[in-house]
Amino acid sequence: MVWPGKQFALDNQSIYSGDVSRRSTAAPEALSADVTELFLALVGVIKRLRRRPLPASAELDAAMQGVTPAPRHIGALVLLGLGGPLSMSELADRLSVSLATTSQLVTELADWGLVERSTDAVDRRRTFVTIAPAHAATIQALLQSRLQPLQRAMRRLEPDEQQAFIRGLTVLAAELDETEPSDDLEENLR
C-alpha cells in the first residue's frame, strides 16, 4: 500500500516508513479491499468536515477574536447545541476525553463567550455547561451546516441500510476506543 511520501509494506511482516532502521516484526492482519475502501471514504469525510468547520458569521468571528477553533471545540459546541446543558463529566464522556481536557476546552469556549458555566444548586461540586444565549442562533446554524448533509445522506439509504450504517460507525468508534496504538508502529511512522 502506498500513500504519497510514505511507503508501507504490509505483506512481508514489516511496517516501515522511509529510511527507518527499526522495523516491527509483528505480522499485520491482511487488509481487505473493503477495509481500504472504508478508510479512504472516512479520510474523505474527515477532510470535508475540516474544510469548513464553522458557518460564516460576523457575530461568531467577533466572539472568536481571531482565534480559529479546533475540531474538539466544534464537537463540544455541536454536543451542547444538541443536548445542552451538560455536566462537565457528561461532556467529557461524549467527547471521549478526560475531565481535565474538557475543563480546558470549556474554559476556552467560555473565554470566547460561546458557552456559560453554572453550578448545580443541589450539588455545588457539579458544573453544567450550556451555549451562551447570545450565540444560540449561530450554534444552531453550525448544527444545521453539520447535520443537513447527514440527513440528506440518510435519506438516500433504505431503512435497513441506515441501521447498518449507524451500527457500523458505532462499532468502529468502539473499536478505535479499545485499540491502543502500537509504540513500534508510531515510532516507525515518525
N, C-alpha and C. Protein backbone atom coordinates (compact mmCIF):
# COMPACT_ATOMS: atom_id res chain seq x y z
N MET A 1 0.86 -1.16 0.00
CA MET A 1 0.00 0.00 0.00
C MET A 1 0.90 1.22 0.00
N VAL A 2 0.61 2.22 -0.84
CA VAL A 2 1.46 3.39 -0.95
C VAL A 2 0.62 4.65 -0.81
N TRP A 3 1.04 5.52 0.12
CA TRP A 3 0.46 6.84 0.26
C TRP A 3 1.53 7.82 -0.18
N PRO A 4 1.16 8.98 -0.68
CA PRO A 4 2.18 9.94 -1.13
C PRO A 4 3.20 10.23 -0.03
N GLY A 5 4.48 10.10 -0.37
CA GLY A 5 5.55 10.41 0.56
C GLY A 5 5.87 9.34 1.57
N LYS A 6 5.09 8.30 1.65
CA LYS A 6 5.33 7.22 2.63
C LYS A 6 5.10 5.90 1.92
N GLN A 7 5.83 4.90 2.34
CA GLN A 7 5.61 3.58 1.80
C GLN A 7 5.46 2.62 2.96
N PHE A 8 4.45 1.78 2.88
CA PHE A 8 4.17 0.83 3.93
C PHE A 8 4.12 -0.55 3.31
N ALA A 9 4.93 -1.46 3.82
CA ALA A 9 4.89 -2.83 3.34
C ALA A 9 4.06 -3.63 4.32
N LEU A 10 2.89 -4.05 3.88
CA LEU A 10 2.01 -4.78 4.77
C LEU A 10 1.96 -6.27 4.43
N ASP A 11 2.72 -6.68 3.45
CA ASP A 11 2.63 -8.07 3.03
C ASP A 11 3.86 -8.89 3.41
N ASN A 12 4.91 -8.29 3.93
CA ASN A 12 6.11 -9.07 4.25
C ASN A 12 6.48 -9.01 5.72
N GLN A 13 5.49 -8.86 6.57
CA GLN A 13 5.63 -8.89 8.02
C GLN A 13 6.50 -7.76 8.55
N SER A 14 6.59 -6.66 7.83
CA SER A 14 7.26 -5.48 8.38
C SER A 14 6.48 -4.24 7.96
N ILE A 15 6.55 -3.26 8.82
CA ILE A 15 5.91 -2.00 8.52
C ILE A 15 6.99 -0.95 8.65
N TYR A 16 7.16 -0.15 7.62
CA TYR A 16 8.20 0.85 7.70
C TYR A 16 7.77 2.12 6.99
N SER A 17 8.49 3.17 7.26
CA SER A 17 8.25 4.45 6.63
C SER A 17 9.60 5.06 6.30
N GLY A 18 9.86 5.24 5.03
CA GLY A 18 11.11 5.86 4.62
C GLY A 18 12.31 5.03 5.00
N ASP A 19 13.31 5.69 5.60
CA ASP A 19 14.59 5.08 5.90
C ASP A 19 14.72 4.66 7.35
N VAL A 20 13.65 4.25 7.99
CA VAL A 20 13.68 3.89 9.40
C VAL A 20 14.36 2.53 9.55
N SER A 21 15.34 2.46 10.44
CA SER A 21 16.10 1.21 10.58
C SER A 21 15.39 0.18 11.45
N ARG A 22 14.58 0.63 12.39
CA ARG A 22 13.89 -0.29 13.29
C ARG A 22 12.56 -0.68 12.68
N ARG A 23 12.29 -1.96 12.55
CA ARG A 23 11.05 -2.43 11.94
C ARG A 23 10.31 -3.33 12.91
N SER A 24 8.99 -3.24 12.83
CA SER A 24 8.16 -4.10 13.65
C SER A 24 8.16 -5.50 13.06
N THR A 25 8.29 -6.51 13.89
CA THR A 25 8.28 -7.89 13.40
C THR A 25 6.91 -8.52 13.56
N ALA A 26 5.96 -7.79 14.10
CA ALA A 26 4.61 -8.32 14.26
C ALA A 26 3.95 -8.44 12.89
N ALA A 27 3.37 -9.57 12.65
CA ALA A 27 2.70 -9.79 11.37
C ALA A 27 1.35 -9.10 11.37
N PRO A 28 1.17 -8.14 10.46
CA PRO A 28 -0.13 -7.46 10.43
C PRO A 28 -1.18 -8.36 9.80
N GLU A 29 -2.41 -8.09 10.19
CA GLU A 29 -3.53 -8.81 9.61
C GLU A 29 -3.69 -8.34 8.17
N ALA A 30 -4.00 -9.23 7.25
CA ALA A 30 -4.18 -8.86 5.86
C ALA A 30 -5.36 -7.90 5.74
N LEU A 31 -5.17 -6.86 4.97
CA LEU A 31 -6.22 -5.86 4.78
C LEU A 31 -7.04 -6.20 3.55
N SER A 32 -8.36 -6.18 3.73
CA SER A 32 -9.24 -6.46 2.60
C SER A 32 -9.45 -5.18 1.80
N ALA A 33 -9.92 -5.34 0.58
CA ALA A 33 -10.24 -4.19 -0.27
C ALA A 33 -11.33 -3.35 0.38
N ASP A 34 -12.29 -3.99 1.06
CA ASP A 34 -13.36 -3.25 1.73
C ASP A 34 -12.82 -2.35 2.83
N VAL A 35 -11.84 -2.84 3.58
CA VAL A 35 -11.25 -2.04 4.66
C VAL A 35 -10.52 -0.84 4.07
N THR A 36 -9.78 -1.06 3.02
CA THR A 36 -9.07 0.04 2.36
C THR A 36 -10.06 1.06 1.82
N GLU A 37 -11.13 0.59 1.19
CA GLU A 37 -12.15 1.49 0.66
C GLU A 37 -12.82 2.28 1.78
N LEU A 38 -13.12 1.63 2.89
CA LEU A 38 -13.72 2.31 4.04
C LEU A 38 -12.77 3.38 4.58
N PHE A 39 -11.50 3.05 4.71
CA PHE A 39 -10.51 4.00 5.21
C PHE A 39 -10.46 5.24 4.32
N LEU A 40 -10.40 5.04 3.04
CA LEU A 40 -10.32 6.17 2.11
C LEU A 40 -11.60 7.01 2.15
N ALA A 41 -12.76 6.35 2.31
CA ALA A 41 -14.03 7.08 2.43
C ALA A 41 -14.04 7.92 3.70
N LEU A 42 -13.56 7.36 4.81
CA LEU A 42 -13.51 8.11 6.07
C LEU A 42 -12.55 9.29 5.98
N VAL A 43 -11.41 9.10 5.32
CA VAL A 43 -10.47 10.21 5.12
C VAL A 43 -11.16 11.33 4.34
N GLY A 44 -11.92 10.97 3.31
CA GLY A 44 -12.64 11.97 2.54
C GLY A 44 -13.67 12.72 3.35
N VAL A 45 -14.39 12.01 4.21
CA VAL A 45 -15.39 12.65 5.07
C VAL A 45 -14.71 13.60 6.05
N ILE A 46 -13.66 13.16 6.69
CA ILE A 46 -12.95 14.00 7.67
C ILE A 46 -12.38 15.24 7.00
N LYS A 47 -11.81 15.06 5.82
CA LYS A 47 -11.23 16.19 5.08
C LYS A 47 -12.31 17.23 4.80
N ARG A 48 -13.48 16.78 4.39
CA ARG A 48 -14.56 17.71 4.07
C ARG A 48 -15.14 18.38 5.32
N LEU A 49 -15.18 17.66 6.43
CA LEU A 49 -15.66 18.25 7.67
C LEU A 49 -14.71 19.32 8.19
N ARG A 50 -13.44 19.12 7.99
CA ARG A 50 -12.45 20.09 8.48
C ARG A 50 -12.33 21.30 7.56
N ARG A 51 -12.72 21.15 6.31
CA ARG A 51 -12.57 22.24 5.34
C ARG A 51 -13.37 23.47 5.77
N ARG A 52 -14.60 23.29 6.19
CA ARG A 52 -15.44 24.40 6.64
C ARG A 52 -16.01 24.06 8.01
N PRO A 53 -15.22 24.25 9.05
CA PRO A 53 -15.69 23.85 10.37
C PRO A 53 -16.84 24.69 10.91
N LEU A 54 -16.91 25.95 10.54
CA LEU A 54 -17.95 26.82 11.08
C LEU A 54 -18.65 27.58 9.95
N PRO A 55 -19.94 27.85 10.12
CA PRO A 55 -20.62 28.68 9.13
C PRO A 55 -20.11 30.11 9.22
N ALA A 56 -20.16 30.84 8.11
CA ALA A 56 -19.71 32.23 8.11
C ALA A 56 -20.65 33.05 8.98
N SER A 57 -20.07 33.79 9.92
CA SER A 57 -20.87 34.61 10.82
C SER A 57 -20.00 35.72 11.40
N ALA A 58 -20.39 36.96 11.14
CA ALA A 58 -19.65 38.10 11.70
C ALA A 58 -19.72 38.07 13.22
N GLU A 59 -20.88 37.65 13.76
CA GLU A 59 -21.06 37.57 15.21
C GLU A 59 -20.10 36.56 15.82
N LEU A 60 -19.98 35.39 15.18
CA LEU A 60 -19.08 34.36 15.69
C LEU A 60 -17.62 34.79 15.52
N ASP A 61 -17.28 35.40 14.39
CA ASP A 61 -15.92 35.89 14.17
C ASP A 61 -15.53 36.89 15.27
N ALA A 62 -16.46 37.78 15.62
CA ALA A 62 -16.19 38.76 16.67
C ALA A 62 -15.98 38.07 18.02
N ALA A 63 -16.80 37.06 18.30
CA ALA A 63 -16.67 36.34 19.57
C ALA A 63 -15.35 35.58 19.64
N MET A 64 -14.92 35.04 18.51
CA MET A 64 -13.69 34.24 18.49
C MET A 64 -12.44 35.10 18.55
N GLN A 65 -12.56 36.40 18.31
CA GLN A 65 -11.45 37.34 18.39
C GLN A 65 -10.23 36.86 17.61
N GLY A 66 -10.47 36.37 16.39
CA GLY A 66 -9.38 35.95 15.52
C GLY A 66 -8.83 34.57 15.81
N VAL A 67 -9.40 33.85 16.77
CA VAL A 67 -8.95 32.50 17.11
C VAL A 67 -9.70 31.50 16.24
N THR A 68 -8.98 30.55 15.68
CA THR A 68 -9.62 29.50 14.90
C THR A 68 -9.87 28.30 15.79
N PRO A 69 -11.13 27.88 15.93
CA PRO A 69 -11.42 26.75 16.82
C PRO A 69 -10.90 25.44 16.24
N ALA A 70 -10.49 24.56 17.12
CA ALA A 70 -10.05 23.22 16.72
C ALA A 70 -11.29 22.33 16.59
N PRO A 71 -11.14 21.18 15.94
CA PRO A 71 -12.28 20.26 15.82
C PRO A 71 -12.89 19.90 17.17
N ARG A 72 -12.09 19.84 18.22
CA ARG A 72 -12.64 19.50 19.54
C ARG A 72 -13.59 20.58 20.02
N HIS A 73 -13.31 21.86 19.68
CA HIS A 73 -14.21 22.94 20.04
C HIS A 73 -15.54 22.78 19.30
N ILE A 74 -15.44 22.47 18.02
CA ILE A 74 -16.64 22.29 17.20
C ILE A 74 -17.47 21.14 17.75
N GLY A 75 -16.81 20.03 18.09
CA GLY A 75 -17.52 18.87 18.64
C GLY A 75 -18.26 19.21 19.92
N ALA A 76 -17.62 19.98 20.79
CA ALA A 76 -18.26 20.37 22.05
C ALA A 76 -19.45 21.27 21.78
N LEU A 77 -19.30 22.21 20.86
CA LEU A 77 -20.41 23.11 20.54
C LEU A 77 -21.59 22.35 19.94
N VAL A 78 -21.29 21.38 19.08
CA VAL A 78 -22.36 20.56 18.49
C VAL A 78 -23.08 19.78 19.59
N LEU A 79 -22.33 19.14 20.47
CA LEU A 79 -22.95 18.37 21.55
C LEU A 79 -23.80 19.25 22.46
N LEU A 80 -23.28 20.41 22.80
CA LEU A 80 -24.03 21.32 23.68
C LEU A 80 -25.25 21.88 22.95
N GLY A 81 -25.12 22.12 21.66
CA GLY A 81 -26.24 22.62 20.88
C GLY A 81 -27.35 21.60 20.73
N LEU A 82 -26.97 20.32 20.68
CA LEU A 82 -27.95 19.25 20.53
C LEU A 82 -28.57 18.84 21.86
N GLY A 83 -27.78 18.82 22.92
CA GLY A 83 -28.29 18.24 24.15
C GLY A 83 -27.97 19.01 25.40
N GLY A 84 -27.58 20.28 25.27
CA GLY A 84 -27.20 21.04 26.45
C GLY A 84 -28.40 21.42 27.30
N PRO A 85 -28.20 21.81 28.53
CA PRO A 85 -26.91 21.84 29.20
C PRO A 85 -26.42 20.43 29.56
N LEU A 86 -25.11 20.31 29.61
CA LEU A 86 -24.48 19.05 30.01
C LEU A 86 -23.54 19.32 31.18
N SER A 87 -23.42 18.32 32.05
CA SER A 87 -22.42 18.44 33.11
C SER A 87 -21.05 18.26 32.48
N MET A 88 -20.03 18.71 33.17
CA MET A 88 -18.66 18.57 32.66
C MET A 88 -18.34 17.10 32.40
N SER A 89 -18.75 16.20 33.31
CA SER A 89 -18.44 14.78 33.11
C SER A 89 -19.23 14.19 31.95
N GLU A 90 -20.48 14.63 31.76
CA GLU A 90 -21.26 14.15 30.61
C GLU A 90 -20.60 14.60 29.31
N LEU A 91 -20.15 15.84 29.27
CA LEU A 91 -19.48 16.36 28.08
C LEU A 91 -18.18 15.61 27.83
N ALA A 92 -17.41 15.36 28.87
CA ALA A 92 -16.16 14.59 28.73
C ALA A 92 -16.44 13.20 28.18
N ASP A 93 -17.46 12.53 28.71
CA ASP A 93 -17.81 11.19 28.22
C ASP A 93 -18.20 11.21 26.75
N ARG A 94 -19.02 12.17 26.37
CA ARG A 94 -19.49 12.23 24.98
C ARG A 94 -18.38 12.61 24.01
N LEU A 95 -17.41 13.39 24.50
CA LEU A 95 -16.27 13.75 23.65
C LEU A 95 -15.17 12.69 23.69
N SER A 96 -15.28 11.74 24.62
CA SER A 96 -14.26 10.69 24.82
C SER A 96 -12.90 11.30 25.15
N VAL A 97 -12.93 12.28 26.06
CA VAL A 97 -11.69 12.89 26.53
C VAL A 97 -11.74 12.96 28.05
N SER A 98 -10.61 13.29 28.66
CA SER A 98 -10.54 13.36 30.12
C SER A 98 -11.30 14.60 30.63
N LEU A 99 -11.59 14.57 31.91
CA LEU A 99 -12.25 15.70 32.55
C LEU A 99 -11.35 16.94 32.51
N ALA A 100 -10.04 16.73 32.65
CA ALA A 100 -9.10 17.86 32.60
C ALA A 100 -9.11 18.51 31.21
N THR A 101 -9.13 17.70 30.17
CA THR A 101 -9.19 18.22 28.81
C THR A 101 -10.50 18.96 28.58
N THR A 102 -11.59 18.39 29.09
CA THR A 102 -12.89 19.04 28.95
C THR A 102 -12.91 20.38 29.67
N SER A 103 -12.31 20.43 30.85
CA SER A 103 -12.25 21.68 31.61
C SER A 103 -11.51 22.75 30.82
N GLN A 104 -10.38 22.38 30.23
CA GLN A 104 -9.60 23.32 29.42
C GLN A 104 -10.42 23.78 28.20
N LEU A 105 -11.07 22.85 27.56
CA LEU A 105 -11.89 23.14 26.37
C LEU A 105 -13.03 24.10 26.73
N VAL A 106 -13.73 23.82 27.83
CA VAL A 106 -14.84 24.67 28.27
C VAL A 106 -14.33 26.06 28.66
N THR A 107 -13.18 26.12 29.30
CA THR A 107 -12.59 27.42 29.66
C THR A 107 -12.33 28.25 28.40
N GLU A 108 -11.78 27.62 27.37
CA GLU A 108 -11.52 28.34 26.12
C GLU A 108 -12.83 28.84 25.50
N LEU A 109 -13.83 27.96 25.44
CA LEU A 109 -15.12 28.35 24.87
C LEU A 109 -15.78 29.45 25.70
N ALA A 110 -15.65 29.38 27.01
CA ALA A 110 -16.21 30.41 27.89
C ALA A 110 -15.47 31.74 27.71
N ASP A 111 -14.14 31.67 27.57
CA ASP A 111 -13.35 32.89 27.33
C ASP A 111 -13.78 33.57 26.04
N TRP A 112 -14.18 32.80 25.05
CA TRP A 112 -14.65 33.34 23.78
C TRP A 112 -16.12 33.78 23.87
N GLY A 113 -16.75 33.51 25.00
CA GLY A 113 -18.14 33.91 25.20
C GLY A 113 -19.16 32.99 24.55
N LEU A 114 -18.74 31.81 24.11
CA LEU A 114 -19.64 30.90 23.40
C LEU A 114 -20.45 30.01 24.32
N VAL A 115 -19.92 29.73 25.51
CA VAL A 115 -20.63 28.89 26.47
C VAL A 115 -20.66 29.57 27.83
N GLU A 116 -21.58 29.10 28.65
CA GLU A 116 -21.66 29.57 30.03
C GLU A 116 -21.63 28.37 30.95
N ARG A 117 -21.02 28.57 32.12
CA ARG A 117 -20.99 27.53 33.15
C ARG A 117 -21.91 27.94 34.29
N SER A 118 -22.52 26.93 34.90
CA SER A 118 -23.35 27.18 36.08
C SER A 118 -23.15 26.04 37.06
N THR A 119 -23.32 26.33 38.31
CA THR A 119 -23.14 25.33 39.36
C THR A 119 -24.49 24.73 39.71
N ASP A 120 -24.51 23.43 39.91
CA ASP A 120 -25.71 22.71 40.31
C ASP A 120 -26.12 23.21 41.70
N ALA A 121 -27.39 23.60 41.84
CA ALA A 121 -27.89 24.11 43.12
C ALA A 121 -27.88 23.04 44.20
N VAL A 122 -28.08 21.77 43.82
CA VAL A 122 -28.12 20.68 44.79
C VAL A 122 -26.72 20.20 45.15
N ASP A 123 -25.88 20.01 44.14
CA ASP A 123 -24.51 19.53 44.36
C ASP A 123 -23.55 20.58 43.83
N ARG A 124 -23.05 21.43 44.67
CA ARG A 124 -22.23 22.57 44.27
C ARG A 124 -20.92 22.15 43.60
N ARG A 125 -20.54 20.88 43.71
CA ARG A 125 -19.33 20.40 43.05
C ARG A 125 -19.57 20.14 41.57
N ARG A 126 -20.81 20.09 41.16
CA ARG A 126 -21.18 19.75 39.78
C ARG A 126 -21.38 21.02 38.96
N THR A 127 -20.74 21.08 37.80
CA THR A 127 -20.82 22.24 36.91
C THR A 127 -21.52 21.83 35.61
N PHE A 128 -22.45 22.68 35.18
CA PHE A 128 -23.14 22.47 33.91
C PHE A 128 -22.63 23.48 32.89
N VAL A 129 -22.63 23.06 31.64
CA VAL A 129 -22.19 23.92 30.54
C VAL A 129 -23.34 24.03 29.55
N THR A 130 -23.58 25.24 29.07
CA THR A 130 -24.62 25.47 28.08
C THR A 130 -24.14 26.51 27.08
N ILE A 131 -24.77 26.54 25.93
CA ILE A 131 -24.46 27.55 24.92
C ILE A 131 -24.89 28.91 25.46
N ALA A 132 -24.04 29.92 25.29
CA ALA A 132 -24.40 31.28 25.70
C ALA A 132 -25.57 31.75 24.85
N PRO A 133 -26.60 32.32 25.49
CA PRO A 133 -27.79 32.75 24.74
C PRO A 133 -27.46 33.67 23.56
N ALA A 134 -26.45 34.51 23.70
CA ALA A 134 -26.08 35.44 22.62
C ALA A 134 -25.63 34.71 21.36
N HIS A 135 -25.18 33.46 21.51
CA HIS A 135 -24.66 32.72 20.36
C HIS A 135 -25.52 31.52 19.98
N ALA A 136 -26.69 31.40 20.58
CA ALA A 136 -27.56 30.25 20.32
C ALA A 136 -27.92 30.13 18.85
N ALA A 137 -28.25 31.24 18.20
CA ALA A 137 -28.62 31.20 16.78
C ALA A 137 -27.44 30.77 15.91
N THR A 138 -26.26 31.26 16.23
CA THR A 138 -25.06 30.88 15.47
C THR A 138 -24.74 29.41 15.64
N ILE A 139 -24.89 28.90 16.85
CA ILE A 139 -24.61 27.49 17.11
C ILE A 139 -25.66 26.62 16.39
N GLN A 140 -26.90 27.10 16.33
CA GLN A 140 -27.92 26.37 15.58
C GLN A 140 -27.56 26.33 14.09
N ALA A 141 -26.99 27.42 13.57
CA ALA A 141 -26.52 27.44 12.18
C ALA A 141 -25.39 26.43 11.99
N LEU A 142 -24.51 26.34 12.99
CA LEU A 142 -23.44 25.34 12.96
C LEU A 142 -24.02 23.94 12.91
N LEU A 143 -25.02 23.68 13.75
CA LEU A 143 -25.66 22.37 13.76
C LEU A 143 -26.28 22.06 12.40
N GLN A 144 -26.97 23.03 11.84
CA GLN A 144 -27.59 22.81 10.53
C GLN A 144 -26.54 22.52 9.46
N SER A 145 -25.42 23.25 9.50
CA SER A 145 -24.38 23.02 8.50
C SER A 145 -23.77 21.63 8.62
N ARG A 146 -23.76 21.08 9.84
CA ARG A 146 -23.21 19.75 10.08
C ARG A 146 -24.23 18.64 9.87
N LEU A 147 -25.46 18.89 10.26
CA LEU A 147 -26.46 17.81 10.27
C LEU A 147 -27.24 17.68 8.96
N GLN A 148 -27.40 18.75 8.21
CA GLN A 148 -28.15 18.63 6.96
C GLN A 148 -27.51 17.66 5.97
N PRO A 149 -26.18 17.68 5.76
CA PRO A 149 -25.61 16.67 4.87
C PRO A 149 -25.84 15.24 5.37
N LEU A 150 -25.79 15.05 6.70
CA LEU A 150 -26.06 13.72 7.26
C LEU A 150 -27.50 13.32 6.99
N GLN A 151 -28.41 14.25 7.17
CA GLN A 151 -29.82 13.95 6.92
C GLN A 151 -30.06 13.62 5.45
N ARG A 152 -29.44 14.37 4.54
CA ARG A 152 -29.59 14.07 3.11
C ARG A 152 -29.00 12.71 2.77
N ALA A 153 -27.85 12.39 3.37
CA ALA A 153 -27.23 11.09 3.11
C ALA A 153 -28.11 9.95 3.62
N MET A 154 -28.66 10.12 4.81
CA MET A 154 -29.53 9.06 5.37
C MET A 154 -30.78 8.87 4.53
N ARG A 155 -31.31 9.94 3.96
CA ARG A 155 -32.49 9.82 3.09
C ARG A 155 -32.19 9.00 1.83
N ARG A 156 -30.94 8.98 1.41
CA ARG A 156 -30.57 8.23 0.21
C ARG A 156 -30.44 6.73 0.48
N LEU A 157 -30.46 6.35 1.75
CA LEU A 157 -30.33 4.95 2.13
C LEU A 157 -31.68 4.36 2.49
N GLU A 158 -31.82 3.06 2.25
CA GLU A 158 -33.01 2.33 2.69
C GLU A 158 -32.96 2.20 4.21
N PRO A 159 -34.12 2.00 4.87
CA PRO A 159 -34.11 1.90 6.35
C PRO A 159 -33.13 0.86 6.89
N ASP A 160 -33.01 -0.31 6.25
CA ASP A 160 -32.06 -1.30 6.75
C ASP A 160 -30.62 -0.86 6.52
N GLU A 161 -30.36 -0.11 5.45
CA GLU A 161 -29.03 0.41 5.21
C GLU A 161 -28.68 1.50 6.23
N GLN A 162 -29.68 2.30 6.59
CA GLN A 162 -29.47 3.33 7.61
C GLN A 162 -29.03 2.70 8.92
N GLN A 163 -29.74 1.67 9.34
CA GLN A 163 -29.40 1.00 10.59
C GLN A 163 -28.02 0.35 10.51
N ALA A 164 -27.69 -0.27 9.37
CA ALA A 164 -26.38 -0.90 9.20
C ALA A 164 -25.27 0.15 9.22
N PHE A 165 -25.52 1.28 8.60
CA PHE A 165 -24.55 2.36 8.56
C PHE A 165 -24.25 2.87 9.97
N ILE A 166 -25.31 3.15 10.73
CA ILE A 166 -25.15 3.62 12.11
C ILE A 166 -24.45 2.57 12.96
N ARG A 167 -24.86 1.33 12.83
CA ARG A 167 -24.25 0.24 13.59
C ARG A 167 -22.77 0.11 13.25
N GLY A 168 -22.44 0.19 11.97
CA GLY A 168 -21.04 0.08 11.56
C GLY A 168 -20.17 1.18 12.14
N LEU A 169 -20.67 2.41 12.11
CA LEU A 169 -19.89 3.52 12.67
C LEU A 169 -19.78 3.41 14.18
N THR A 170 -20.82 2.91 14.83
CA THR A 170 -20.79 2.71 16.29
C THR A 170 -19.75 1.66 16.65
N VAL A 171 -19.72 0.58 15.91
CA VAL A 171 -18.74 -0.48 16.15
C VAL A 171 -17.33 0.03 15.89
N LEU A 172 -17.15 0.80 14.82
CA LEU A 172 -15.84 1.37 14.51
C LEU A 172 -15.37 2.29 15.64
N ALA A 173 -16.26 3.15 16.12
CA ALA A 173 -15.90 4.06 17.23
C ALA A 173 -15.48 3.27 18.46
N ALA A 174 -16.23 2.21 18.78
CA ALA A 174 -15.88 1.39 19.95
C ALA A 174 -14.54 0.70 19.75
N GLU A 175 -14.28 0.21 18.55
CA GLU A 175 -13.01 -0.45 18.26
C GLU A 175 -11.85 0.54 18.38
N LEU A 176 -12.04 1.75 17.88
CA LEU A 176 -10.99 2.76 17.98
C LEU A 176 -10.73 3.14 19.43
N ASP A 177 -11.78 3.16 20.26
CA ASP A 177 -11.61 3.44 21.68
C ASP A 177 -10.80 2.36 22.38
N GLU A 178 -10.97 1.11 21.95
CA GLU A 178 -10.31 -0.02 22.61
C GLU A 178 -8.92 -0.30 22.08
N THR A 179 -8.57 0.22 20.93
CA THR A 179 -7.30 -0.08 20.29
C THR A 179 -6.23 0.87 20.78
N GLU A 180 -5.19 0.33 21.36
CA GLU A 180 -4.04 1.12 21.77
C GLU A 180 -3.07 1.17 20.60
N PRO A 181 -2.58 2.36 20.25
CA PRO A 181 -1.62 2.42 19.16
C PRO A 181 -0.33 1.69 19.54
N SER A 182 0.25 1.03 18.58
CA SER A 182 1.49 0.31 18.79
C SER A 182 2.64 1.29 18.89
N ASP A 183 3.45 1.19 19.95
CA ASP A 183 4.60 2.07 20.10
C ASP A 183 5.57 1.88 18.94
N ASP A 184 5.77 0.63 18.52
CA ASP A 184 6.68 0.37 17.40
C ASP A 184 6.20 1.04 16.13
N LEU A 185 4.90 0.91 15.85
CA LEU A 185 4.35 1.48 14.64
C LEU A 185 4.46 3.00 14.68
N GLU A 186 4.10 3.61 15.82
CA GLU A 186 4.20 5.06 15.94
C GLU A 186 5.64 5.51 15.75
N GLU A 187 6.58 4.79 16.34
CA GLU A 187 7.99 5.14 16.20
C GLU A 187 8.42 5.05 14.74
N ASN A 188 7.95 4.02 14.05
CA ASN A 188 8.33 3.83 12.64
C ASN A 188 7.70 4.86 11.72
N LEU A 189 6.59 5.43 12.11
CA LEU A 189 5.91 6.38 11.23
C LEU A 189 6.39 7.81 11.42
N ARG A 190 7.29 8.04 12.36
CA ARG A 190 7.81 9.40 12.59
C ARG A 190 8.83 9.78 11.55
